Amino acid sequence: MASRRISVPVEHITQSIVVLRGQKVLLDAQLAALYGVATKALLQAVRRNRERFPHDFMVRLTGAEWAALRSQFVTSNAQRGGRRYLPYGFTEQGVAMLSSVLKSNRAIAVNIQIMRAFVRMRALLASNKELASRLDELEARLEKRLTSHDRTIATILSAIRQLMIPSPPKRRPIGFTADLEKGWR
């Protein structure tokens, strides 16, 4: 029972979760490290229980996806003896199913932490969506106010520009002019 007290920080697990094809997944090598087993042993347990892992629980990465993710992780080069096959990504349901396949106390304890990490990420995403919708609503209200204010400001600026146009000066004409209407005096 002492091994159930094994603790993996939820933040560490949360940082390991990647979004792949619109789903949050953990890669097989990361899960194996968390469970304290070799990646080969984890995948062998999955192969023995293939019916427990439908396509929405576990996905195989494409070469392009793996190349894009490889730069984010410190992994060895395939030409130098590193990983020679494409990894699997396990969704939240796939990770839950792994706890029934890997029956060690460490697997159970780590699996509980992983489930908490997924729940925390869901809560953060929900709060971010709520915040984003509130910001959109505020922006819409501000746009309405700004358009009426903009019209008022434009009117004021137009009036100021009209005042800035100099009126033609009232000058006395050059030379002798006679005001014929008044006549001679």
N, C-alpha and C. Protein backbone atom coordinates (compact mmCIF):
# COMPACT_ATOMS: atom_id res chain seq x y z
N MET A 1 0.82 -1.19 0.00
CA MET A 1 0.00 0.00 0.00
C MET A 1 0.86 1.25 0.00
N ALA A 2 2.11 1.16 0.39
CA ALA A 2 3.00 2.31 0.41
C ALA A 2 3.25 2.85 -0.99
N SER A 3 3.19 1.95 -1.98
CA SER A 3 3.45 2.40 -3.34
C SER A 3 2.29 3.22 -3.90
N ARG A 4 1.10 3.18 -3.28
CA ARG A 4 -0.02 4.01 -3.73
C ARG A 4 0.24 5.48 -3.41
N ARG A 5 1.14 5.76 -2.52
CA ARG A 5 1.46 7.13 -2.14
C ARG A 5 2.41 7.80 -3.13
N ILE A 6 2.75 7.09 -4.18
CA ILE A 6 3.62 7.65 -5.21
C ILE A 6 2.95 8.89 -5.76
N SER A 7 3.69 9.97 -5.82
CA SER A 7 3.09 11.23 -6.24
C SER A 7 3.82 11.78 -7.46
N VAL A 8 3.04 12.10 -8.45
CA VAL A 8 3.55 12.77 -9.63
C VAL A 8 2.81 14.10 -9.68
N PRO A 9 3.53 15.22 -9.72
CA PRO A 9 2.84 16.51 -9.73
C PRO A 9 1.89 16.64 -10.93
N VAL A 10 0.70 17.12 -10.65
CA VAL A 10 -0.31 17.28 -11.70
C VAL A 10 0.21 18.26 -12.76
N GLU A 11 0.97 19.27 -12.36
CA GLU A 11 1.51 20.24 -13.31
C GLU A 11 2.44 19.56 -14.31
N HIS A 12 3.22 18.60 -13.83
CA HIS A 12 4.13 17.86 -14.72
C HIS A 12 3.34 17.09 -15.77
N ILE A 13 2.26 16.47 -15.33
CA ILE A 13 1.42 15.71 -16.26
C ILE A 13 0.73 16.66 -17.23
N THR A 14 0.22 17.77 -16.73
CA THR A 14 -0.48 18.75 -17.57
C THR A 14 0.43 19.25 -18.67
N GLN A 15 1.71 19.46 -18.38
CA GLN A 15 2.65 19.93 -19.39
C GLN A 15 2.94 18.85 -20.43
N SER A 16 2.74 17.60 -20.08
CA SER A 16 2.99 16.50 -21.02
C SER A 16 1.84 16.27 -21.98
N ILE A 17 0.67 16.80 -21.67
CA ILE A 17 -0.50 16.61 -22.53
C ILE A 17 -0.36 17.49 -23.76
N VAL A 18 -0.56 16.88 -24.93
CA VAL A 18 -0.49 17.62 -26.19
C VAL A 18 -1.83 17.49 -26.91
N VAL A 19 -2.12 18.47 -27.75
CA VAL A 19 -3.35 18.42 -28.54
C VAL A 19 -3.00 17.85 -29.90
N LEU A 20 -3.67 16.78 -30.25
CA LEU A 20 -3.41 16.07 -31.50
C LEU A 20 -4.75 15.78 -32.15
N ARG A 21 -4.94 16.30 -33.35
CA ARG A 21 -6.19 16.11 -34.09
C ARG A 21 -7.40 16.56 -33.30
N GLY A 22 -7.22 17.61 -32.53
CA GLY A 22 -8.32 18.17 -31.76
C GLY A 22 -8.58 17.46 -30.44
N GLN A 23 -7.75 16.48 -30.08
CA GLN A 23 -7.91 15.75 -28.82
C GLN A 23 -6.68 15.94 -27.96
N LYS A 24 -6.89 15.96 -26.65
CA LYS A 24 -5.78 16.02 -25.72
C LYS A 24 -5.29 14.60 -25.49
N VAL A 25 -3.99 14.37 -25.73
CA VAL A 25 -3.42 13.03 -25.60
C VAL A 25 -2.12 13.07 -24.84
N LEU A 26 -1.75 11.91 -24.30
CA LEU A 26 -0.44 11.68 -23.71
C LEU A 26 0.25 10.63 -24.58
N LEU A 27 1.51 10.86 -24.89
CA LEU A 27 2.25 9.93 -25.75
C LEU A 27 2.67 8.71 -24.95
N ASP A 28 2.84 7.60 -25.67
CA ASP A 28 3.14 6.33 -25.04
C ASP A 28 4.42 6.37 -24.20
N ALA A 29 5.47 7.02 -24.70
CA ALA A 29 6.74 7.06 -23.95
C ALA A 29 6.59 7.85 -22.65
N GLN A 30 5.80 8.92 -22.69
CA GLN A 30 5.59 9.70 -21.48
C GLN A 30 4.78 8.90 -20.46
N LEU A 31 3.78 8.20 -20.93
CA LEU A 31 2.98 7.36 -20.02
C LEU A 31 3.84 6.25 -19.41
N ALA A 32 4.66 5.64 -20.24
CA ALA A 32 5.52 4.56 -19.74
C ALA A 32 6.45 5.10 -18.65
N ALA A 33 7.00 6.30 -18.88
CA ALA A 33 7.89 6.88 -17.87
C ALA A 33 7.12 7.18 -16.58
N LEU A 34 5.91 7.68 -16.70
CA LEU A 34 5.10 7.96 -15.51
C LEU A 34 4.76 6.69 -14.74
N TYR A 35 4.43 5.62 -15.50
CA TYR A 35 4.06 4.35 -14.87
C TYR A 35 5.27 3.57 -14.38
N GLY A 36 6.46 3.98 -14.81
CA GLY A 36 7.67 3.29 -14.38
C GLY A 36 7.89 1.97 -15.10
N VAL A 37 7.44 1.88 -16.36
CA VAL A 37 7.65 0.68 -17.16
C VAL A 37 8.30 1.09 -18.48
N ALA A 38 8.84 0.15 -19.19
CA ALA A 38 9.42 0.43 -20.51
C ALA A 38 8.29 0.66 -21.50
N THR A 39 8.53 1.52 -22.48
CA THR A 39 7.53 1.80 -23.51
C THR A 39 7.13 0.51 -24.21
N LYS A 40 8.11 -0.35 -24.44
CA LYS A 40 7.86 -1.63 -25.10
C LYS A 40 6.87 -2.47 -24.28
N ALA A 41 7.03 -2.48 -22.95
CA ALA A 41 6.14 -3.26 -22.09
C ALA A 41 4.73 -2.67 -22.08
N LEU A 42 4.63 -1.34 -22.10
CA LEU A 42 3.33 -0.68 -22.13
C LEU A 42 2.59 -1.03 -23.42
N LEU A 43 3.28 -0.93 -24.54
CA LEU A 43 2.64 -1.22 -25.82
C LEU A 43 2.33 -2.71 -25.98
N GLN A 44 3.14 -3.55 -25.37
CA GLN A 44 2.86 -4.99 -25.41
C GLN A 44 1.58 -5.29 -24.65
N ALA A 45 1.38 -4.64 -23.50
CA ALA A 45 0.15 -4.83 -22.73
C ALA A 45 -1.06 -4.33 -23.52
N VAL A 46 -0.88 -3.24 -24.25
CA VAL A 46 -1.96 -2.71 -25.08
C VAL A 46 -2.28 -3.69 -26.20
N ARG A 47 -1.25 -4.25 -26.87
CA ARG A 47 -1.47 -5.19 -27.96
C ARG A 47 -2.20 -6.45 -27.49
N ARG A 48 -1.89 -6.88 -26.28
CA ARG A 48 -2.55 -8.08 -25.73
C ARG A 48 -4.02 -7.81 -25.43
N ASN A 49 -4.37 -6.57 -25.23
CA ASN A 49 -5.75 -6.19 -24.90
C ASN A 49 -6.29 -5.19 -25.92
N ARG A 50 -6.05 -5.46 -27.17
CA ARG A 50 -6.37 -4.52 -28.26
C ARG A 50 -7.85 -4.14 -28.29
N GLU A 51 -8.74 -5.05 -27.91
CA GLU A 51 -10.18 -4.76 -27.94
C GLU A 51 -10.57 -3.68 -26.95
N ARG A 52 -9.74 -3.41 -25.97
CA ARG A 52 -10.03 -2.36 -24.98
C ARG A 52 -9.63 -0.96 -25.47
N PHE A 53 -8.96 -0.88 -26.60
CA PHE A 53 -8.44 0.39 -27.09
C PHE A 53 -8.95 0.70 -28.50
N PRO A 54 -10.21 1.14 -28.62
CA PRO A 54 -10.71 1.52 -29.95
C PRO A 54 -10.01 2.78 -30.45
N HIS A 55 -10.29 3.15 -31.69
CA HIS A 55 -9.59 4.26 -32.34
C HIS A 55 -9.75 5.59 -31.60
N ASP A 56 -10.82 5.78 -30.82
CA ASP A 56 -10.98 7.05 -30.12
C ASP A 56 -10.29 7.05 -28.75
N PHE A 57 -9.72 5.93 -28.33
CA PHE A 57 -8.95 5.85 -27.09
C PHE A 57 -7.45 5.98 -27.34
N MET A 58 -7.03 5.58 -28.54
CA MET A 58 -5.60 5.53 -28.85
C MET A 58 -5.42 5.82 -30.33
N VAL A 59 -4.52 6.73 -30.67
CA VAL A 59 -4.27 7.07 -32.07
C VAL A 59 -2.78 6.91 -32.36
N ARG A 60 -2.48 6.50 -33.56
CA ARG A 60 -1.08 6.39 -33.99
C ARG A 60 -0.72 7.69 -34.70
N LEU A 61 0.36 8.32 -34.30
CA LEU A 61 0.79 9.57 -34.91
C LEU A 61 1.27 9.32 -36.34
N THR A 62 1.07 10.30 -37.20
CA THR A 62 1.62 10.23 -38.55
C THR A 62 3.07 10.72 -38.49
N GLY A 63 3.79 10.51 -39.57
CA GLY A 63 5.17 10.97 -39.63
C GLY A 63 5.29 12.48 -39.47
N ALA A 64 4.37 13.22 -40.09
CA ALA A 64 4.40 14.69 -40.00
C ALA A 64 4.09 15.15 -38.58
N GLU A 65 3.11 14.50 -37.93
CA GLU A 65 2.77 14.87 -36.55
C GLU A 65 3.94 14.59 -35.61
N TRP A 66 4.57 13.46 -35.81
CA TRP A 66 5.71 13.10 -34.96
C TRP A 66 6.88 14.05 -35.19
N ALA A 67 7.12 14.43 -36.43
CA ALA A 67 8.21 15.36 -36.73
C ALA A 67 7.94 16.71 -36.07
N ALA A 68 6.68 17.16 -36.09
CA ALA A 68 6.33 18.43 -35.47
C ALA A 68 6.48 18.37 -33.96
N LEU A 69 6.09 17.24 -33.36
CA LEU A 69 6.20 17.10 -31.90
C LEU A 69 7.62 16.82 -31.44
N ARG A 70 8.41 16.15 -32.30
CA ARG A 70 9.77 15.77 -31.93
C ARG A 70 10.60 16.98 -31.51
N SER A 71 10.38 18.10 -32.18
CA SER A 71 11.15 19.30 -31.85
C SER A 71 10.80 19.84 -30.47
N GLN A 72 9.60 19.49 -29.97
CA GLN A 72 9.19 19.96 -28.65
C GLN A 72 9.75 19.09 -27.54
N PHE A 73 10.08 17.86 -27.86
CA PHE A 73 10.56 16.92 -26.85
C PHE A 73 12.03 16.60 -27.11
N VAL A 74 12.72 16.30 -26.06
CA VAL A 74 14.11 15.89 -26.22
C VAL A 74 14.09 14.40 -26.53
N THR A 75 14.31 14.08 -27.81
CA THR A 75 14.31 12.69 -28.22
C THR A 75 15.56 12.42 -29.03
N SER A 76 15.93 11.19 -29.05
CA SER A 76 17.14 10.85 -29.79
C SER A 76 16.82 10.73 -31.27
N ASN A 77 17.83 10.80 -32.06
CA ASN A 77 17.72 10.71 -33.51
C ASN A 77 17.54 9.25 -33.92
N ALA A 78 16.63 8.99 -34.84
CA ALA A 78 16.37 7.61 -35.27
C ALA A 78 17.60 6.98 -35.92
N GLN A 79 18.44 7.77 -36.60
CA GLN A 79 19.64 7.23 -37.23
C GLN A 79 20.69 6.84 -36.20
N ARG A 80 20.57 7.30 -35.00
CA ARG A 80 21.56 7.00 -33.96
C ARG A 80 21.04 6.03 -32.91
N GLY A 81 20.05 5.25 -33.27
CA GLY A 81 19.56 4.23 -32.34
C GLY A 81 18.36 4.67 -31.53
N GLY A 82 17.71 5.75 -31.90
CA GLY A 82 16.53 6.22 -31.18
C GLY A 82 15.29 5.47 -31.60
N ARG A 83 14.16 6.08 -31.36
CA ARG A 83 12.87 5.47 -31.67
C ARG A 83 12.73 5.22 -33.17
N ARG A 84 12.35 4.01 -33.54
CA ARG A 84 12.28 3.65 -34.95
C ARG A 84 10.85 3.52 -35.47
N TYR A 85 9.87 3.73 -34.62
CA TYR A 85 8.48 3.59 -35.04
C TYR A 85 7.71 4.80 -34.53
N LEU A 86 6.56 5.02 -35.13
CA LEU A 86 5.72 6.16 -34.75
C LEU A 86 5.02 5.88 -33.42
N PRO A 87 4.97 6.86 -32.54
CA PRO A 87 4.36 6.63 -31.23
C PRO A 87 2.83 6.64 -31.29
N TYR A 88 2.25 6.21 -30.19
CA TYR A 88 0.81 6.26 -30.00
C TYR A 88 0.49 7.39 -29.04
N GLY A 89 -0.67 7.99 -29.23
CA GLY A 89 -1.19 8.98 -28.30
C GLY A 89 -2.44 8.42 -27.65
N PHE A 90 -2.52 8.51 -26.33
CA PHE A 90 -3.66 7.98 -25.59
C PHE A 90 -4.53 9.12 -25.11
N THR A 91 -5.83 9.05 -25.43
CA THR A 91 -6.78 10.05 -24.96
C THR A 91 -7.07 9.80 -23.48
N GLU A 92 -7.89 10.65 -22.91
CA GLU A 92 -8.25 10.48 -21.50
C GLU A 92 -8.87 9.11 -21.25
N GLN A 93 -9.74 8.67 -22.14
CA GLN A 93 -10.37 7.36 -21.99
C GLN A 93 -9.34 6.24 -22.16
N GLY A 94 -8.39 6.43 -23.05
CA GLY A 94 -7.33 5.44 -23.24
C GLY A 94 -6.45 5.31 -22.02
N VAL A 95 -6.17 6.45 -21.38
CA VAL A 95 -5.36 6.42 -20.16
C VAL A 95 -6.12 5.69 -19.05
N ALA A 96 -7.43 5.95 -18.96
CA ALA A 96 -8.25 5.26 -17.96
C ALA A 96 -8.23 3.75 -18.22
N MET A 97 -8.29 3.37 -19.48
CA MET A 97 -8.27 1.95 -19.82
C MET A 97 -6.91 1.34 -19.50
N LEU A 98 -5.84 2.11 -19.61
CA LEU A 98 -4.50 1.59 -19.29
C LEU A 98 -4.42 1.12 -17.84
N SER A 99 -5.14 1.78 -16.94
CA SER A 99 -5.07 1.37 -15.54
C SER A 99 -5.64 -0.03 -15.35
N SER A 100 -6.55 -0.47 -16.22
CA SER A 100 -7.06 -1.83 -16.10
C SER A 100 -6.12 -2.85 -16.74
N VAL A 101 -5.27 -2.38 -17.64
CA VAL A 101 -4.32 -3.27 -18.30
C VAL A 101 -3.04 -3.40 -17.48
N LEU A 102 -2.55 -2.27 -16.98
CA LEU A 102 -1.37 -2.27 -16.11
C LEU A 102 -1.87 -2.32 -14.67
N LYS A 103 -1.63 -3.39 -13.99
CA LYS A 103 -2.28 -3.61 -12.70
C LYS A 103 -1.37 -3.35 -11.51
N SER A 104 -0.29 -2.61 -11.70
CA SER A 104 0.58 -2.33 -10.56
C SER A 104 0.00 -1.20 -9.72
N ASN A 105 0.43 -1.14 -8.46
CA ASN A 105 -0.02 -0.06 -7.57
C ASN A 105 0.44 1.30 -8.09
N ARG A 106 1.64 1.34 -8.65
CA ARG A 106 2.13 2.60 -9.21
C ARG A 106 1.24 3.06 -10.36
N ALA A 107 0.83 2.13 -11.21
CA ALA A 107 -0.03 2.49 -12.34
C ALA A 107 -1.35 3.08 -11.83
N ILE A 108 -1.90 2.52 -10.80
CA ILE A 108 -3.16 3.03 -10.23
C ILE A 108 -2.96 4.43 -9.66
N ALA A 109 -1.89 4.62 -8.89
CA ALA A 109 -1.63 5.93 -8.28
C ALA A 109 -1.36 7.00 -9.32
N VAL A 110 -0.57 6.67 -10.32
CA VAL A 110 -0.24 7.63 -11.38
C VAL A 110 -1.49 7.93 -12.20
N ASN A 111 -2.30 6.90 -12.46
CA ASN A 111 -3.50 7.09 -13.24
C ASN A 111 -4.46 8.07 -12.57
N ILE A 112 -4.55 8.03 -11.26
CA ILE A 112 -5.39 8.98 -10.52
C ILE A 112 -4.89 10.40 -10.75
N GLN A 113 -3.59 10.60 -10.72
CA GLN A 113 -3.02 11.93 -10.95
C GLN A 113 -3.26 12.39 -12.39
N ILE A 114 -3.17 11.46 -13.33
CA ILE A 114 -3.41 11.81 -14.73
C ILE A 114 -4.86 12.25 -14.92
N MET A 115 -5.80 11.52 -14.32
CA MET A 115 -7.21 11.90 -14.43
C MET A 115 -7.43 13.30 -13.84
N ARG A 116 -6.77 13.60 -12.73
CA ARG A 116 -6.89 14.94 -12.13
C ARG A 116 -6.33 16.01 -13.07
N ALA A 117 -5.26 15.68 -13.77
CA ALA A 117 -4.67 16.64 -14.71
C ALA A 117 -5.64 16.93 -15.86
N PHE A 118 -6.28 15.89 -16.39
CA PHE A 118 -7.26 16.09 -17.46
C PHE A 118 -8.44 16.93 -16.96
N VAL A 119 -8.89 16.67 -15.76
CA VAL A 119 -10.01 17.44 -15.19
C VAL A 119 -9.60 18.90 -15.02
N ARG A 120 -8.39 19.13 -14.54
CA ARG A 120 -7.91 20.50 -14.36
C ARG A 120 -7.84 21.24 -15.70
N MET A 121 -7.34 20.54 -16.73
CA MET A 121 -7.27 21.18 -18.05
C MET A 121 -8.65 21.51 -18.58
N ARG A 122 -9.62 20.62 -18.36
CA ARG A 122 -10.99 20.89 -18.81
C ARG A 122 -11.55 22.12 -18.10
N ALA A 123 -11.28 22.24 -16.80
CA ALA A 123 -11.77 23.39 -16.04
C ALA A 123 -11.13 24.68 -16.53
N LEU A 124 -9.83 24.64 -16.82
CA LEU A 124 -9.15 25.82 -17.32
C LEU A 124 -9.69 26.24 -18.68
N LEU A 125 -9.92 25.27 -19.54
CA LEU A 125 -10.46 25.59 -20.87
C LEU A 125 -11.87 26.16 -20.76
N ALA A 126 -12.68 25.63 -19.85
CA ALA A 126 -14.04 26.15 -19.67
C ALA A 126 -14.01 27.58 -19.16
N SER A 127 -13.11 27.87 -18.20
CA SER A 127 -13.03 29.23 -17.67
C SER A 127 -12.49 30.19 -18.74
N ASN A 128 -11.58 29.72 -19.58
CA ASN A 128 -11.07 30.56 -20.67
C ASN A 128 -12.16 30.86 -21.69
N LYS A 129 -13.01 29.89 -21.98
CA LYS A 129 -14.12 30.12 -22.92
C LYS A 129 -15.09 31.13 -22.36
N GLU A 130 -15.37 31.03 -21.05
CA GLU A 130 -16.28 31.98 -20.41
C GLU A 130 -15.69 33.39 -20.45
N LEU A 131 -14.42 33.50 -20.16
CA LEU A 131 -13.75 34.79 -20.20
C LEU A 131 -13.75 35.36 -21.61
N ALA A 132 -13.49 34.52 -22.60
CA ALA A 132 -13.49 34.98 -23.99
C ALA A 132 -14.87 35.47 -24.40
N SER A 133 -15.93 34.78 -24.00
CA SER A 133 -17.28 35.23 -24.36
C SER A 133 -17.62 36.54 -23.68
N ARG A 134 -17.18 36.73 -22.45
CA ARG A 134 -17.42 38.00 -21.76
C ARG A 134 -16.67 39.14 -22.44
N LEU A 135 -15.43 38.87 -22.88
CA LEU A 135 -14.67 39.90 -23.58
C LEU A 135 -15.33 40.26 -24.91
N ASP A 136 -15.85 39.26 -25.62
CA ASP A 136 -16.55 39.53 -26.88
C ASP A 136 -17.77 40.41 -26.64
N GLU A 137 -18.51 40.10 -25.58
CA GLU A 137 -19.69 40.89 -25.24
C GLU A 137 -19.32 42.33 -24.91
N LEU A 138 -18.25 42.50 -24.14
CA LEU A 138 -17.78 43.84 -23.78
C LEU A 138 -17.33 44.61 -25.02
N GLU A 139 -16.61 43.95 -25.91
CA GLU A 139 -16.17 44.60 -27.15
C GLU A 139 -17.36 45.04 -28.00
N ALA A 140 -18.39 44.22 -28.06
CA ALA A 140 -19.58 44.57 -28.84
C ALA A 140 -20.25 45.82 -28.26
N ARG A 141 -20.35 45.87 -26.92
CA ARG A 141 -20.94 47.06 -26.28
C ARG A 141 -20.09 48.29 -26.53
N LEU A 142 -18.78 48.12 -26.45
CA LEU A 142 -17.89 49.26 -26.67
C LEU A 142 -17.97 49.75 -28.11
N GLU A 143 -18.09 48.82 -29.05
CA GLU A 143 -18.21 49.22 -30.46
C GLU A 143 -19.45 50.07 -30.68
N LYS A 144 -20.58 49.69 -30.05
CA LYS A 144 -21.81 50.47 -30.18
C LYS A 144 -21.61 51.87 -29.62
N ARG A 145 -21.00 51.93 -28.44
CA ARG A 145 -20.75 53.24 -27.83
C ARG A 145 -19.77 54.05 -28.67
N LEU A 146 -18.73 53.38 -29.16
CA LEU A 146 -17.73 54.10 -29.93
C LEU A 146 -18.30 54.64 -31.23
N THR A 147 -19.19 53.92 -31.85
CA THR A 147 -19.73 54.42 -33.11
C THR A 147 -20.53 55.69 -32.88
N SER A 148 -21.32 55.76 -31.81
CA SER A 148 -22.06 57.00 -31.54
C SER A 148 -21.10 58.10 -31.11
N HIS A 149 -20.11 57.74 -30.31
CA HIS A 149 -19.10 58.73 -29.91
C HIS A 149 -18.29 59.17 -31.13
N ASP A 150 -17.97 58.23 -31.99
CA ASP A 150 -17.19 58.57 -33.19
C ASP A 150 -17.94 59.57 -34.06
N ARG A 151 -19.24 59.35 -34.18
CA ARG A 151 -20.02 60.31 -34.99
C ARG A 151 -20.00 61.69 -34.37
N THR A 152 -20.15 61.74 -33.05
CA THR A 152 -20.14 63.02 -32.36
C THR A 152 -18.78 63.70 -32.51
N ILE A 153 -17.72 62.93 -32.33
CA ILE A 153 -16.37 63.48 -32.46
C ILE A 153 -16.12 63.94 -33.89
N ALA A 154 -16.59 63.19 -34.87
CA ALA A 154 -16.42 63.58 -36.27
C ALA A 154 -17.13 64.90 -36.55
N THR A 155 -18.31 65.08 -35.97
CA THR A 155 -19.05 66.34 -36.14
C THR A 155 -18.28 67.49 -35.53
N ILE A 156 -17.74 67.28 -34.34
CA ILE A 156 -16.96 68.34 -33.67
C ILE A 156 -15.72 68.67 -34.48
N LEU A 157 -15.02 67.65 -34.96
CA LEU A 157 -13.82 67.90 -35.76
C LEU A 157 -14.15 68.65 -37.05
N SER A 158 -15.27 68.30 -37.66
CA SER A 158 -15.68 69.00 -38.87
C SER A 158 -15.95 70.48 -38.58
N ALA A 159 -16.60 70.77 -37.46
CA ALA A 159 -16.87 72.15 -37.08
C ALA A 159 -15.57 72.90 -36.81
N ILE A 160 -14.62 72.23 -36.17
CA ILE A 160 -13.32 72.87 -35.88
C ILE A 160 -12.61 73.16 -37.19
N ARG A 161 -12.66 72.23 -38.14
CA ARG A 161 -12.01 72.47 -39.44
C ARG A 161 -12.66 73.65 -40.16
N GLN A 162 -13.96 73.77 -40.05
CA GLN A 162 -14.66 74.90 -40.68
C GLN A 162 -14.19 76.22 -40.06
N LEU A 163 -13.97 76.19 -38.74
CA LEU A 163 -13.50 77.41 -38.07
C LEU A 163 -12.05 77.72 -38.42
N MET A 164 -11.29 76.68 -38.77
CA MET A 164 -9.88 76.88 -39.08
C MET A 164 -9.68 77.48 -40.47
N ILE A 165 -10.67 77.37 -41.35
CA ILE A 165 -10.55 77.94 -42.69
C ILE A 165 -10.62 79.45 -42.56
N PRO A 166 -9.58 80.15 -42.98
CA PRO A 166 -9.60 81.60 -42.81
C PRO A 166 -10.62 82.23 -43.75
N SER A 167 -11.33 83.21 -43.19
CA SER A 167 -12.29 83.93 -44.04
C SER A 167 -11.51 84.94 -44.87
N PRO A 168 -12.00 85.23 -46.04
CA PRO A 168 -11.26 86.19 -46.88
C PRO A 168 -11.19 87.54 -46.17
N PRO A 169 -10.03 88.15 -46.17
CA PRO A 169 -9.89 89.42 -45.46
C PRO A 169 -10.69 90.52 -46.16
N LYS A 170 -11.20 91.44 -45.36
CA LYS A 170 -11.94 92.58 -45.89
C LYS A 170 -10.94 93.71 -46.06
N ARG A 171 -10.47 93.84 -47.26
CA ARG A 171 -9.48 94.87 -47.56
C ARG A 171 -10.12 95.95 -48.41
N ARG A 172 -9.56 97.07 -48.23
CA ARG A 172 -9.95 98.17 -49.09
C ARG A 172 -9.25 97.98 -50.41
N PRO A 173 -9.93 98.09 -51.49
CA PRO A 173 -9.28 97.87 -52.77
C PRO A 173 -8.19 98.89 -53.02
N ILE A 174 -7.22 98.45 -53.76
CA ILE A 174 -6.10 99.32 -54.09
C ILE A 174 -6.54 100.30 -55.17
N GLY A 175 -6.08 101.55 -55.02
CA GLY A 175 -6.37 102.58 -56.03
C GLY A 175 -7.59 103.41 -55.65
N PHE A 176 -7.97 104.27 -56.61
CA PHE A 176 -9.10 105.15 -56.38
C PHE A 176 -10.37 104.43 -56.78
N THR A 177 -11.28 104.36 -55.85
CA THR A 177 -12.57 103.78 -56.16
C THR A 177 -13.64 104.79 -55.80
N ALA A 178 -14.60 104.80 -56.58
CA ALA A 178 -15.68 105.74 -56.30
C ALA A 178 -16.91 104.95 -55.97
N ASP A 179 -17.57 105.43 -55.03
CA ASP A 179 -18.82 104.78 -54.67
C ASP A 179 -19.91 105.54 -55.39
N LEU A 180 -20.33 105.01 -56.46
CA LEU A 180 -21.25 105.73 -57.34
C LEU A 180 -22.66 105.80 -56.76
N GLU A 181 -23.00 104.93 -55.94
CA GLU A 181 -24.33 104.95 -55.37
C GLU A 181 -24.48 106.11 -54.39
N LYS A 182 -23.44 106.44 -53.68
CA LYS A 182 -23.54 107.52 -52.72
C LYS A 182 -23.45 108.87 -53.41
N GLY A 183 -22.85 108.85 -54.51
CA GLY A 183 -22.73 110.09 -55.25
C GLY A 183 -21.59 110.94 -54.74
N TRP A 184 -21.47 112.18 -55.42
CA TRP A 184 -20.38 113.08 -55.02
C TRP A 184 -20.83 113.99 -53.96
N ARG A 185 -20.01 114.34 -53.11
CA ARG A 185 -20.33 115.30 -52.10
C ARG A 185 -19.39 116.40 -52.12
